[in-house]
Amino acid sequence: MTDELDDETTRRRIADYLRNRDATPSQLADALDVHVRSVYAHLPHVSRSVESGEEDFLVAPPECADCGFSDFDDLLTRPSRCPSCKSERIEEPVLRVD
């Protein structure tokens, strides 16, 4: 039961943080003192809960630092490499609640 409560608290903290500023998952992890994998795991839940209200969950897609590819299928997961040039230098998505 405490795990569910902790998840809700983390999700609320992520949403609250994104209401005030843009952030990447790594920046959220640093600011909220959680692991970046945890942030990525919570993002789909945060997105659904925010969009069920009056706000929008905005995502600037991840982008390949080498070729600029940004048409990734899932914007809320961390791609391991670029499908276009196979580079592993992928910039994280930038998130915001507006």
C-alpha atoms as a PDB file:
ATOM      1  CA  MET A   1       0.000   0.000   0.000  1.00  0.00           C
ATOM      2  CA  THR A   2       2.809   2.454   0.765  1.00  0.00           C
ATOM      3  CA  ASP A   3       4.277   1.805  -2.701  1.00  0.00           C
ATOM      4  CA  GLU A   4       1.054   3.031  -4.304  1.00  0.00           C
ATOM      5  CA  LEU A   5       1.077   6.067  -2.029  1.00  0.00           C
ATOM      6  CA  ASP A   6       4.715   6.777  -2.903  1.00  0.00           C
ATOM      7  CA  ASP A   7       3.893   6.461  -6.623  1.00  0.00           C
ATOM      8  CA  GLU A   8       1.020   8.935  -6.287  1.00  0.00           C
ATOM      9  CA  THR A   9       3.229  11.370  -4.405  1.00  0.00           C
ATOM     10  CA  THR A  10       6.012  11.101  -6.985  1.00  0.00           C
ATOM     11  CA  ARG A  11       3.538  11.574  -9.832  1.00  0.00           C
ATOM     12  CA  ARG A  12       2.036  14.605  -8.139  1.00  0.00           C
ATOM     13  CA  ARG A  13       5.514  16.058  -7.547  1.00  0.00           C
ATOM     14  CA  ILE A  14       6.410  15.525 -11.223  1.00  0.00           C
ATOM     15  CA  ALA A  15       3.210  17.252 -12.400  1.00  0.00           C
ATOM     16  CA  ASP A  16       3.682  20.132  -9.953  1.00  0.00           C
ATOM     17  CA  TYR A  17       7.288  20.630 -11.051  1.00  0.00           C
ATOM     18  CA  LEU A  18       6.300  20.673 -14.736  1.00  0.00           C
ATOM     19  CA  ARG A  19       3.596  23.273 -14.107  1.00  0.00           C
ATOM     20  CA  ASN A  20       6.301  25.794 -13.240  1.00  0.00           C
ATOM     21  CA  ARG A  21       9.004  25.012 -15.810  1.00  0.00           C
ATOM     22  CA  ASP A  22      10.106  22.866 -18.731  1.00  0.00           C
ATOM     23  CA  ALA A  23      12.272  19.886 -17.802  1.00  0.00           C
ATOM     24  CA  THR A  24      13.829  16.742 -19.203  1.00  0.00           C
ATOM     25  CA  PRO A  25      13.403  13.443 -17.350  1.00  0.00           C
ATOM     26  CA  SER A  26      16.995  13.729 -16.093  1.00  0.00           C
ATOM     27  CA  GLN A  27      16.339  17.218 -14.746  1.00  0.00           C
ATOM     28  CA  LEU A  28      13.188  15.935 -13.012  1.00  0.00           C
ATOM     29  CA  ALA A  29      15.127  13.049 -11.490  1.00  0.00           C
ATOM     30  CA  ASP A  30      17.752  15.421 -10.104  1.00  0.00           C
ATOM     31  CA  ALA A  31      15.226  17.948  -8.810  1.00  0.00           C
ATOM     32  CA  LEU A  32      12.961  15.365  -7.169  1.00  0.00           C
ATOM     33  CA  ASP A  33      15.736  13.047  -5.980  1.00  0.00           C
ATOM     34  CA  VAL A  34      14.460   9.957  -7.791  1.00  0.00           C
ATOM     35  CA  HIS A  35      16.050   7.683 -10.367  1.00  0.00           C
ATOM     36  CA  VAL A  36      15.589   8.699 -14.017  1.00  0.00           C
ATOM     37  CA  ARG A  37      14.085   5.263 -14.758  1.00  0.00           C
ATOM     38  CA  SER A  38      11.443   5.984 -12.140  1.00  0.00           C
ATOM     39  CA  VAL A  39      10.617   9.284 -13.850  1.00  0.00           C
ATOM     40  CA  TYR A  40      10.173   7.531 -17.209  1.00  0.00           C
ATOM     41  CA  ALA A  41       7.953   4.903 -15.529  1.00  0.00           C
ATOM     42  CA  HIS A  42       5.700   7.601 -14.041  1.00  0.00           C
ATOM     43  CA  LEU A  43       5.386   9.821 -17.138  1.00  0.00           C
ATOM     44  CA  PRO A  44       2.533   7.902 -18.855  1.00  0.00           C
ATOM     45  CA  HIS A  45       0.507   8.070 -15.621  1.00  0.00           C
ATOM     46  CA  VAL A  46       1.241  11.769 -15.149  1.00  0.00           C
ATOM     47  CA  SER A  47       0.257  12.423 -18.759  1.00  0.00           C
ATOM     48  CA  ARG A  48      -3.096  10.658 -18.387  1.00  0.00           C
ATOM     49  CA  SER A  49      -3.964  12.304 -15.087  1.00  0.00           C
ATOM     50  CA  VAL A  50      -3.023  15.802 -16.276  1.00  0.00           C
ATOM     51  CA  GLU A  51      -4.888  15.496 -19.579  1.00  0.00           C
ATOM     52  CA  SER A  52      -8.035  14.242 -17.829  1.00  0.00           C
ATOM     53  CA  GLY A  53      -8.304  17.704 -16.254  1.00  0.00           C
ATOM     54  CA  GLU A  54      -8.097  21.155 -17.779  1.00  0.00           C
ATOM     55  CA  GLU A  55      -4.353  21.053 -18.507  1.00  0.00           C
ATOM     56  CA  ASP A  56      -2.227  19.705 -21.339  1.00  0.00           C
ATOM     57  CA  PHE A  57       0.863  17.524 -21.017  1.00  0.00           C
ATOM     58  CA  LEU A  58       3.261  18.887 -23.644  1.00  0.00           C
ATOM     59  CA  VAL A  59       6.249  16.950 -24.967  1.00  0.00           C
ATOM     60  CA  ALA A  60       8.994  18.252 -27.232  1.00  0.00           C
ATOM     61  CA  PRO A  61      10.184  14.963 -28.762  1.00  0.00           C
ATOM     62  CA  PRO A  62      13.601  13.438 -28.237  1.00  0.00           C
ATOM     63  CA  GLU A  63      16.023  14.296 -31.000  1.00  0.00           C
ATOM     64  CA  CYS A  64      19.117  12.642 -32.430  1.00  0.00           C
ATOM     65  CA  ALA A  65      22.124  14.850 -31.788  1.00  0.00           C
ATOM     66  CA  ASP A  66      23.829  13.561 -34.947  1.00  0.00           C
ATOM     67  CA  CYS A  67      21.171  13.676 -37.674  1.00  0.00           C
ATOM     68  CA  GLY A  68      18.269  15.584 -36.071  1.00  0.00           C
ATOM     69  CA  PHE A  69      15.728  12.737 -36.353  1.00  0.00           C
ATOM     70  CA  SER A  70      12.788  13.399 -34.013  1.00  0.00           C
ATOM     71  CA  ASP A  71       9.946  11.197 -35.280  1.00  0.00           C
ATOM     72  CA  PHE A  72      10.183   8.585 -32.529  1.00  0.00           C
ATOM     73  CA  ASP A  73       7.135   6.356 -31.997  1.00  0.00           C
ATOM     74  CA  ASP A  74       6.833   6.780 -28.231  1.00  0.00           C
ATOM     75  CA  LEU A  75       7.703  10.193 -26.851  1.00  0.00           C
ATOM     76  CA  LEU A  76       7.593   9.075 -23.204  1.00  0.00           C
ATOM     77  CA  THR A  77      10.235   6.348 -23.385  1.00  0.00           C
ATOM     78  CA  ARG A  78      13.954   6.836 -23.730  1.00  0.00           C
ATOM     79  CA  PRO A  79      15.086   5.616 -27.150  1.00  0.00           C
ATOM     80  CA  SER A  80      18.329   3.683 -27.105  1.00  0.00           C
ATOM     81  CA  ARG A  81      19.428   4.792 -30.557  1.00  0.00           C
ATOM     82  CA  CYS A  82      18.317   6.627 -33.639  1.00  0.00           C
ATOM     83  CA  PRO A  83      16.421   4.502 -36.181  1.00  0.00           C
ATOM     84  CA  SER A  84      17.740   6.708 -38.980  1.00  0.00           C
ATOM     85  CA  CYS A  85      21.503   6.882 -38.376  1.00  0.00           C
ATOM     86  CA  LYS A  86      21.878   4.372 -35.478  1.00  0.00           C
ATOM     87  CA  SER A  87      23.561   6.978 -33.257  1.00  0.00           C
ATOM     88  CA  GLU A  88      23.147   6.592 -29.499  1.00  0.00           C
ATOM     89  CA  ARG A  89      23.399  10.353 -28.918  1.00  0.00           C
ATOM     90  CA  ILE A  90      19.719  11.056 -28.313  1.00  0.00           C
ATOM     91  CA  GLU A  91      18.601  14.271 -26.612  1.00  0.00           C
ATOM     92  CA  GLU A  92      15.874  13.717 -24.020  1.00  0.00           C
ATOM     93  CA  PRO A  93      12.329  14.952 -24.514  1.00  0.00           C
ATOM     94  CA  VAL A  94      11.416  18.255 -22.882  1.00  0.00           C
ATOM     95  CA  LEU A  95       8.210  18.124 -20.836  1.00  0.00           C
ATOM     96  CA  ARG A  96       5.750  20.719 -19.549  1.00  0.00           C
ATOM     97  CA  VAL A  97       2.286  20.907 -18.028  1.00  0.00           C
ATOM     98  CA  ASP A  98       0.394  23.875 -19.384  1.00  0.00           C
END
